[in-house]
C-alpha cells in the first residue's frame, strides 16, 4: 500500500523532502495541494470542503491503484484534512499520522489565521508564496472560521490506527492540543521536545522511525 503525504499551509510537497530520505520505502505519494506550488484549477474555490473533496479523490485513486488502503500522513492543514478524511472515509486508510493542527472543538485560530480571515486582508498582505498561493490561503482560511466546531465534534475514537506527532514548542498550537487530540482519537502520541511547528524537516529521522513503527504494527 502507498504512503500518502499531505502538506500544510503555506507549504508545498517540499516540506516532506528531509523526512522522505529517512524512510525505508519508495511507495510514497507526495502531491501539492491545488494552488500551492501548482496551478489552481479553473472554478476551484479553495474552500476547506473543496480541499477535502480533492484529498478524498486523490486517496481513493491511490487506494484503488494499490488495491488496499493507504498510510496517510498530514502536517498543519494537511493534518486537519487527514483527520477529517479518516473521520468520514476510514475505509480508505490503513494507518494515519498527523500533527501541527488538530480538530479540537472550541480551539481558537492563531493570530495569522485570524488576520487572513478578515475581509480587509488582501493577497499582498500575505507574506508567503506567489499570488496563486496567497489567494488560496485567504479563501481557505475564510471558509474555515468554524472548522473546529463543524468537523471537530466527529473526530473521536477514530477507527484506523493513528499517531499524533507534535512539536512541544509549537508556537501556533500548544502541546496540550496535541495531547488531547491523541486521547480523543484513541491514537498514539509522539511529542517532540525542543521542536517547533515544522516537525517534518526539524526532526525527520525521529519521525521516520515512529512512522515505520506505526506501519509495521498493523
C-alpha atoms as a PDB file:
ATOM      1  CA  UNK A   1       0.000   0.000   0.000  1.00  0.00           C
ATOM      2  CA  UNK A   2       1.267   3.544  -0.658  1.00  0.00           C
ATOM      3  CA  UNK A   3       2.089   6.191   1.922  1.00  0.00           C
ATOM      4  CA  UNK A   4       0.226   9.393   1.092  1.00  0.00           C
ATOM      5  CA  UNK A   5       1.624  12.682   2.456  1.00  0.00           C
ATOM      6  CA  UNK A   6      -0.405  15.903   2.725  1.00  0.00           C
ATOM      7  CA  UNK A   7       1.429  19.175   3.353  1.00  0.00           C
ATOM      8  CA  UNK A   8       0.104  22.241   5.123  1.00  0.00           C
ATOM      9  CA  UNK A   9      -0.150  25.995   4.641  1.00  0.00           C
ATOM     10  CA  UNK A  10       1.839  27.874   3.403  1.00  0.00           C
ATOM     11  CA  UNK A  11       3.961  24.912   2.306  1.00  0.00           C
ATOM     12  CA  UNK A  12       4.272  22.635  -0.718  1.00  0.00           C
ATOM     13  CA  UNK A  13       5.254  18.963  -1.056  1.00  0.00           C
ATOM     14  CA  UNK A  14       8.853  20.021  -0.379  1.00  0.00           C
ATOM     15  CA  UNK A  15       8.150  20.155   3.359  1.00  0.00           C
ATOM     16  CA  UNK A  16       8.449  16.348   3.286  1.00  0.00           C
ATOM     17  CA  UNK A  17      11.806  16.152   1.489  1.00  0.00           C
ATOM     18  CA  UNK A  18      14.013  15.605   4.548  1.00  0.00           C
ATOM     19  CA  UNK A  19      11.642  13.072   6.102  1.00  0.00           C
ATOM     20  CA  UNK A  20      11.399  11.010   2.928  1.00  0.00           C
ATOM     21  CA  UNK A  21      15.157  10.482   2.853  1.00  0.00           C
ATOM     22  CA  UNK A  22      14.888   8.635   6.183  1.00  0.00           C
ATOM     23  CA  UNK A  23      12.103   6.258   5.152  1.00  0.00           C
ATOM     24  CA  UNK A  24      12.803   2.712   4.056  1.00  0.00           C
ATOM     25  CA  UNK A  25      10.071   2.699   1.405  1.00  0.00           C
ATOM     26  CA  UNK A  26       9.592   4.207  -2.018  1.00  0.00           C
ATOM     27  CA  UNK A  27       5.848   3.705  -2.488  1.00  0.00           C
ATOM     28  CA  UNK A  28       5.122   7.299  -1.495  1.00  0.00           C
ATOM     29  CA  UNK A  29       2.724   9.831  -2.988  1.00  0.00           C
ATOM     30  CA  UNK A  30       3.548  13.457  -2.209  1.00  0.00           C
ATOM     31  CA  UNK A  31       1.219  15.824  -4.099  1.00  0.00           C
ATOM     32  CA  UNK A  32       0.865  19.575  -3.921  1.00  0.00           C
ATOM     33  CA  UNK A  33      -2.497  20.854  -2.788  1.00  0.00           C
ATOM     34  CA  UNK A  34      -4.201  22.794  -5.594  1.00  0.00           C
ATOM     35  CA  UNK A  35      -2.751  26.292  -5.797  1.00  0.00           C
ATOM     36  CA  UNK A  36       0.250  25.516  -3.593  1.00  0.00           C
ATOM     37  CA  UNK A  37       3.271  25.289  -5.861  1.00  0.00           C
ATOM     38  CA  UNK A  38       0.997  24.346  -8.752  1.00  0.00           C
ATOM     39  CA  UNK A  39      -1.912  25.764 -10.704  1.00  0.00           C
ATOM     40  CA  UNK A  40      -5.283  26.475  -9.162  1.00  0.00           C
ATOM     41  CA  UNK A  41      -7.852  24.584 -11.256  1.00  0.00           C
ATOM     42  CA  UNK A  42     -10.470  26.641 -13.040  1.00  0.00           C
ATOM     43  CA  UNK A  43     -13.505  27.109 -10.825  1.00  0.00           C
ATOM     44  CA  UNK A  44     -11.725  25.794  -7.720  1.00  0.00           C
ATOM     45  CA  UNK A  45     -12.861  27.892  -4.758  1.00  0.00           C
ATOM     46  CA  UNK A  46     -10.082  26.751  -2.399  1.00  0.00           C
ATOM     47  CA  UNK A  47     -12.505  26.148   0.476  1.00  0.00           C
ATOM     48  CA  UNK A  48     -11.987  23.563   3.163  1.00  0.00           C
ATOM     49  CA  UNK A  49     -14.689  21.373   1.640  1.00  0.00           C
ATOM     50  CA  UNK A  50     -13.114  21.575  -1.820  1.00  0.00           C
ATOM     51  CA  UNK A  51      -9.697  20.655  -0.461  1.00  0.00           C
ATOM     52  CA  UNK A  52     -11.276  17.763   1.420  1.00  0.00           C
ATOM     53  CA  UNK A  53     -13.020  16.593  -1.760  1.00  0.00           C
ATOM     54  CA  UNK A  54      -9.705  16.856  -3.625  1.00  0.00           C
ATOM     55  CA  UNK A  55      -7.958  14.789  -0.951  1.00  0.00           C
ATOM     56  CA  UNK A  56     -10.666  12.130  -0.891  1.00  0.00           C
ATOM     57  CA  UNK A  57     -10.460  11.835  -4.673  1.00  0.00           C
ATOM     58  CA  UNK A  58      -6.667  11.549  -4.596  1.00  0.00           C
ATOM     59  CA  UNK A  59      -6.635   8.949  -1.813  1.00  0.00           C
ATOM     60  CA  UNK A  60      -9.444   6.986  -3.439  1.00  0.00           C
ATOM     61  CA  UNK A  61      -7.408   6.772  -6.633  1.00  0.00           C
ATOM     62  CA  UNK A  62      -4.252   5.735  -4.766  1.00  0.00           C
ATOM     63  CA  UNK A  63      -6.120   3.052  -2.809  1.00  0.00           C
ATOM     64  CA  UNK A  64      -7.799   1.763  -5.960  1.00  0.00           C
ATOM     65  CA  UNK A  65      -4.490   1.539  -7.814  1.00  0.00           C
ATOM     66  CA  UNK A  66      -2.882  -0.311  -4.907  1.00  0.00           C
ATOM     67  CA  UNK A  67      -5.895  -2.482  -4.176  1.00  0.00           C
ATOM     68  CA  UNK A  68      -5.697  -1.619  -0.479  1.00  0.00           C
ATOM     69  CA  UNK A  69      -5.968   1.376   1.874  1.00  0.00           C
ATOM     70  CA  UNK A  70      -3.157   3.912   2.223  1.00  0.00           C
ATOM     71  CA  UNK A  71      -0.940   5.028   5.072  1.00  0.00           C
ATOM     72  CA  UNK A  72      -1.913   8.702   5.434  1.00  0.00           C
ATOM     73  CA  UNK A  73       0.409  11.381   6.848  1.00  0.00           C
ATOM     74  CA  UNK A  74      -0.538  15.055   7.266  1.00  0.00           C
ATOM     75  CA  UNK A  75       1.021  18.231   8.648  1.00  0.00           C
ATOM     76  CA  UNK A  76      -0.671  21.531   9.542  1.00  0.00           C
ATOM     77  CA  UNK A  77      -3.661  21.953   7.186  1.00  0.00           C
ATOM     78  CA  UNK A  78      -2.758  18.540   5.822  1.00  0.00           C
ATOM     79  CA  UNK A  79      -3.261  17.320   9.380  1.00  0.00           C
ATOM     80  CA  UNK A  80      -6.755  18.820   9.582  1.00  0.00           C
ATOM     81  CA  UNK A  81      -7.720  17.405   6.200  1.00  0.00           C
ATOM     82  CA  UNK A  82      -6.293  13.990   7.101  1.00  0.00           C
ATOM     83  CA  UNK A  83      -8.191  13.946  10.393  1.00  0.00           C
ATOM     84  CA  UNK A  84     -11.393  14.788   8.557  1.00  0.00           C
ATOM     85  CA  UNK A  85     -10.750  12.119   5.927  1.00  0.00           C
ATOM     86  CA  UNK A  86     -10.264   9.356   8.484  1.00  0.00           C
ATOM     87  CA  UNK A  87     -13.477  10.527  10.137  1.00  0.00           C
ATOM     88  CA  UNK A  88     -15.646  10.351   7.018  1.00  0.00           C
ATOM     89  CA  UNK A  89     -13.790   7.742   4.923  1.00  0.00           C
ATOM     90  CA  UNK A  90     -11.913   5.397   7.263  1.00  0.00           C
ATOM     91  CA  UNK A  91     -12.206   2.678   4.622  1.00  0.00           C
ATOM     92  CA  UNK A  92      -9.535   4.434   2.557  1.00  0.00           C
ATOM     93  CA  UNK A  93      -6.915   4.476   5.331  1.00  0.00           C
ATOM     94  CA  UNK A  94      -4.855   1.699   6.913  1.00  0.00           C
ATOM     95  CA  UNK A  95      -2.980   3.998   9.310  1.00  0.00           C
ATOM     96  CA  UNK A  96      -2.786   7.746   9.805  1.00  0.00           C
ATOM     97  CA  UNK A  97      -0.284  10.135  11.337  1.00  0.00           C
ATOM     98  CA  UNK A  98      -0.906  13.848  11.713  1.00  0.00           C
ATOM     99  CA  UNK A  99       0.172  16.879  13.679  1.00  0.00           C
ATOM    100  CA  UNK A 100       0.713  20.605  13.779  1.00  0.00           C
ATOM    101  CA  UNK A 101      -3.047  21.185  13.845  1.00  0.00           C
ATOM    102  CA  UNK A 102      -5.958  19.288  15.358  1.00  0.00           C
ATOM    103  CA  UNK A 103      -9.730  19.244  15.050  1.00  0.00           C
ATOM    104  CA  UNK A 104     -10.395  20.280  18.625  1.00  0.00           C
ATOM    105  CA  UNK A 105     -13.852  21.739  19.311  1.00  0.00           C
ATOM    106  CA  UNK A 106     -13.503  25.191  20.817  1.00  0.00           C
ATOM    107  CA  UNK A 107      -9.975  25.828  19.529  1.00  0.00           C
ATOM    108  CA  UNK A 108      -9.410  29.491  18.599  1.00  0.00           C
ATOM    109  CA  UNK A 109      -7.410  30.162  15.444  1.00  0.00           C
ATOM    110  CA  UNK A 110      -3.895  31.582  15.845  1.00  0.00           C
ATOM    111  CA  UNK A 111      -3.186  35.239  15.002  1.00  0.00           C
ATOM    112  CA  UNK A 112      -2.036  34.642  11.413  1.00  0.00           C
ATOM    113  CA  UNK A 113      -5.241  32.741  10.626  1.00  0.00           C
ATOM    114  CA  UNK A 114      -7.432  35.383  12.210  1.00  0.00           C
ATOM    115  CA  UNK A 115      -5.714  38.073  10.134  1.00  0.00           C
ATOM    116  CA  UNK A 116      -6.260  36.089   6.922  1.00  0.00           C
ATOM    117  CA  UNK A 117      -9.929  35.648   7.773  1.00  0.00           C
ATOM    118  CA  UNK A 118     -10.596  39.395   7.944  1.00  0.00           C
ATOM    119  CA  UNK A 119     -12.369  40.755   4.856  1.00  0.00           C
ATOM    120  CA  UNK A 120      -9.994  43.702   4.550  1.00  0.00           C
ATOM    121  CA  UNK A 121      -6.935  41.446   4.164  1.00  0.00           C
ATOM    122  CA  UNK A 122      -5.672  41.252   0.572  1.00  0.00           C
ATOM    123  CA  UNK A 123      -3.189  38.805  -1.043  1.00  0.00           C
ATOM    124  CA  UNK A 124      -0.411  41.372  -0.959  1.00  0.00           C
ATOM    125  CA  UNK A 125      -0.719  41.334   2.840  1.00  0.00           C
ATOM    126  CA  UNK A 126       0.054  37.593   2.949  1.00  0.00           C
ATOM    127  CA  UNK A 127       3.847  37.173   3.306  1.00  0.00           C
ATOM    128  CA  UNK A 128       4.064  33.675   1.805  1.00  0.00           C
ATOM    129  CA  UNK A 129       4.141  32.229  -1.699  1.00  0.00           C
ATOM    130  CA  UNK A 130       3.143  33.513  -5.101  1.00  0.00           C
ATOM    131  CA  UNK A 131      -0.112  35.271  -5.951  1.00  0.00           C
ATOM    132  CA  UNK A 132      -1.935  31.981  -6.530  1.00  0.00           C
ATOM    133  CA  UNK A 133      -0.908  30.589  -3.162  1.00  0.00           C
ATOM    134  CA  UNK A 134      -1.744  33.823  -1.370  1.00  0.00           C
ATOM    135  CA  UNK A 135      -5.262  33.882  -2.818  1.00  0.00           C
ATOM    136  CA  UNK A 136      -5.795  30.226  -1.912  1.00  0.00           C
ATOM    137  CA  UNK A 137      -4.631  30.868   1.643  1.00  0.00           C
ATOM    138  CA  UNK A 138      -7.211  33.619   2.074  1.00  0.00           C
ATOM    139  CA  UNK A 139     -10.026  31.577   0.538  1.00  0.00           C
ATOM    140  CA  UNK A 140      -9.183  28.510   2.614  1.00  0.00           C
ATOM    141  CA  UNK A 141      -8.981  30.295   5.953  1.00  0.00           C
ATOM    142  CA  UNK A 142     -12.109  32.342   5.289  1.00  0.00           C
ATOM    143  CA  UNK A 143     -14.011  29.120   4.635  1.00  0.00           C
ATOM    144  CA  UNK A 144     -12.746  27.629   7.876  1.00  0.00           C
ATOM    145  CA  UNK A 145     -13.761  30.090  10.570  1.00  0.00           C
ATOM    146  CA  UNK A 146     -15.939  27.394  12.162  1.00  0.00           C
ATOM    147  CA  UNK A 147     -13.981  24.298  11.088  1.00  0.00           C
ATOM    148  CA  UNK A 148     -13.278  23.186  14.648  1.00  0.00           C
ATOM    149  CA  UNK A 149     -16.964  23.250  15.527  1.00  0.00           C
ATOM    150  CA  UNK A 150     -18.189  21.647  12.297  1.00  0.00           C
ATOM    151  CA  UNK A 151     -15.521  18.977  11.930  1.00  0.00           C
ATOM    152  CA  UNK A 152     -14.117  18.667  15.433  1.00  0.00           C
ATOM    153  CA  UNK A 153     -17.061  17.072  17.213  1.00  0.00           C
ATOM    154  CA  UNK A 154     -16.821  13.980  14.994  1.00  0.00           C
ATOM    155  CA  UNK A 155     -13.069  13.476  15.350  1.00  0.00           C
ATOM    156  CA  UNK A 156     -13.217  10.979  18.195  1.00  0.00           C
ATOM    157  CA  UNK A 157     -12.428   7.254  18.574  1.00  0.00           C
ATOM    158  CA  UNK A 158     -11.059   7.040  15.042  1.00  0.00           C
ATOM    159  CA  UNK A 159     -11.172   3.551  13.549  1.00  0.00           C
ATOM    160  CA  UNK A 160      -7.813   3.276  11.717  1.00  0.00           C
ATOM    161  CA  UNK A 161      -4.766   3.138  13.960  1.00  0.00           C
ATOM    162  CA  UNK A 162      -3.243   6.589  14.334  1.00  0.00           C
ATOM    163  CA  UNK A 163      -0.286   8.605  15.563  1.00  0.00           C
ATOM    164  CA  UNK A 164      -0.345  12.266  16.579  1.00  0.00           C
ATOM    165  CA  UNK A 165       3.022  13.970  16.004  1.00  0.00           C
ATOM    166  CA  UNK A 166       3.630  17.266  17.772  1.00  0.00           C
ATOM    167  CA  UNK A 167       6.383  19.783  18.403  1.00  0.00           C
ATOM    168  CA  UNK A 168       6.387  20.532  22.120  1.00  0.00           C
ATOM    169  CA  UNK A 169       7.383  24.130  21.368  1.00  0.00           C
ATOM    170  CA  UNK A 170       4.876  24.729  18.565  1.00  0.00           C
ATOM    171  CA  UNK A 171       4.135  28.491  18.722  1.00  0.00           C
ATOM    172  CA  UNK A 172       0.835  28.191  16.847  1.00  0.00           C
ATOM    173  CA  UNK A 173      -0.861  25.252  18.569  1.00  0.00           C
ATOM    174  CA  UNK A 174       0.269  24.220  22.031  1.00  0.00           C
ATOM    175  CA  UNK A 175       1.409  20.785  23.094  1.00  0.00           C
ATOM    176  CA  UNK A 176      -1.757  20.366  25.163  1.00  0.00           C
ATOM    177  CA  UNK A 177      -3.816  20.415  21.965  1.00  0.00           C
ATOM    178  CA  UNK A 178      -1.746  17.572  20.535  1.00  0.00           C
ATOM    179  CA  UNK A 179      -2.116  15.581  23.730  1.00  0.00           C
ATOM    180  CA  UNK A 180      -5.886  15.993  23.741  1.00  0.00           C
ATOM    181  CA  UNK A 181      -6.117  15.128  20.041  1.00  0.00           C
ATOM    182  CA  UNK A 182      -4.383  11.809  20.645  1.00  0.00           C
ATOM    183  CA  UNK A 183      -6.674  10.983  23.545  1.00  0.00           C
ATOM    184  CA  UNK A 184      -9.851  11.918  21.669  1.00  0.00           C
ATOM    185  CA  UNK A 185      -8.888   9.914  18.592  1.00  0.00           C
ATOM    186  CA  UNK A 186      -7.548   6.940  20.528  1.00  0.00           C
ATOM    187  CA  UNK A 187      -4.178   7.413  18.839  1.00  0.00           C
ATOM    188  CA  UNK A 188      -0.570   7.130  19.936  1.00  0.00           C
ATOM    189  CA  UNK A 189       1.369  10.342  20.636  1.00  0.00           C
ATOM    190  CA  UNK A 190       4.884  11.365  19.635  1.00  0.00           C
ATOM    191  CA  UNK A 191       5.721  14.585  21.483  1.00  0.00           C
ATOM    192  CA  UNK A 192       8.970  16.047  20.168  1.00  0.00           C
ATOM    193  CA  UNK A 193      10.761  18.021  22.862  1.00  0.00           C
ATOM    194  CA  UNK A 194      12.622  21.089  21.636  1.00  0.00           C
ATOM    195  CA  UNK A 195      10.742  21.000  18.331  1.00  0.00           C
ATOM    196  CA  UNK A 196       8.673  23.818  16.856  1.00  0.00           C
ATOM    197  CA  UNK A 197       5.873  23.625  14.282  1.00  0.00           C
ATOM    198  CA  UNK A 198       7.592  22.127  11.226  1.00  0.00           C
ATOM    199  CA  UNK A 199       8.471  18.696  12.580  1.00  0.00           C
ATOM    200  CA  UNK A 200       8.773  17.088   9.090  1.00  0.00           C
ATOM    201  CA  UNK A 201      12.053  18.890   8.487  1.00  0.00           C
ATOM    202  CA  UNK A 202      13.029  19.766  12.065  1.00  0.00           C
ATOM    203  CA  UNK A 203      13.061  16.140  13.309  1.00  0.00           C
ATOM    204  CA  UNK A 204      12.846  13.945  10.192  1.00  0.00           C
ATOM    205  CA  UNK A 205      14.830  10.960  11.458  1.00  0.00           C
ATOM    206  CA  UNK A 206      12.857  10.626  14.685  1.00  0.00           C
ATOM    207  CA  UNK A 207       9.531  10.989  12.910  1.00  0.00           C
ATOM    208  CA  UNK A 208      10.568   8.438  10.279  1.00  0.00           C
ATOM    209  CA  UNK A 209      11.287   5.853  12.988  1.00  0.00           C
ATOM    210  CA  UNK A 210       7.869   6.458  14.532  1.00  0.00           C
ATOM    211  CA  UNK A 211       6.090   6.229  11.180  1.00  0.00           C
ATOM    212  CA  UNK A 212       7.755   2.960  10.276  1.00  0.00           C
ATOM    213  CA  UNK A 213       6.873   1.527  13.680  1.00  0.00           C
ATOM    214  CA  UNK A 214       3.253   2.547  13.099  1.00  0.00           C
ATOM    215  CA  UNK A 215       3.173   0.974   9.664  1.00  0.00           C
ATOM    216  CA  UNK A 216       4.742  -2.242  10.906  1.00  0.00           C
ATOM    217  CA  UNK A 217       2.244  -2.554  13.759  1.00  0.00           C
ATOM    218  CA  UNK A 218      -0.757  -3.362  11.559  1.00  0.00           C
END
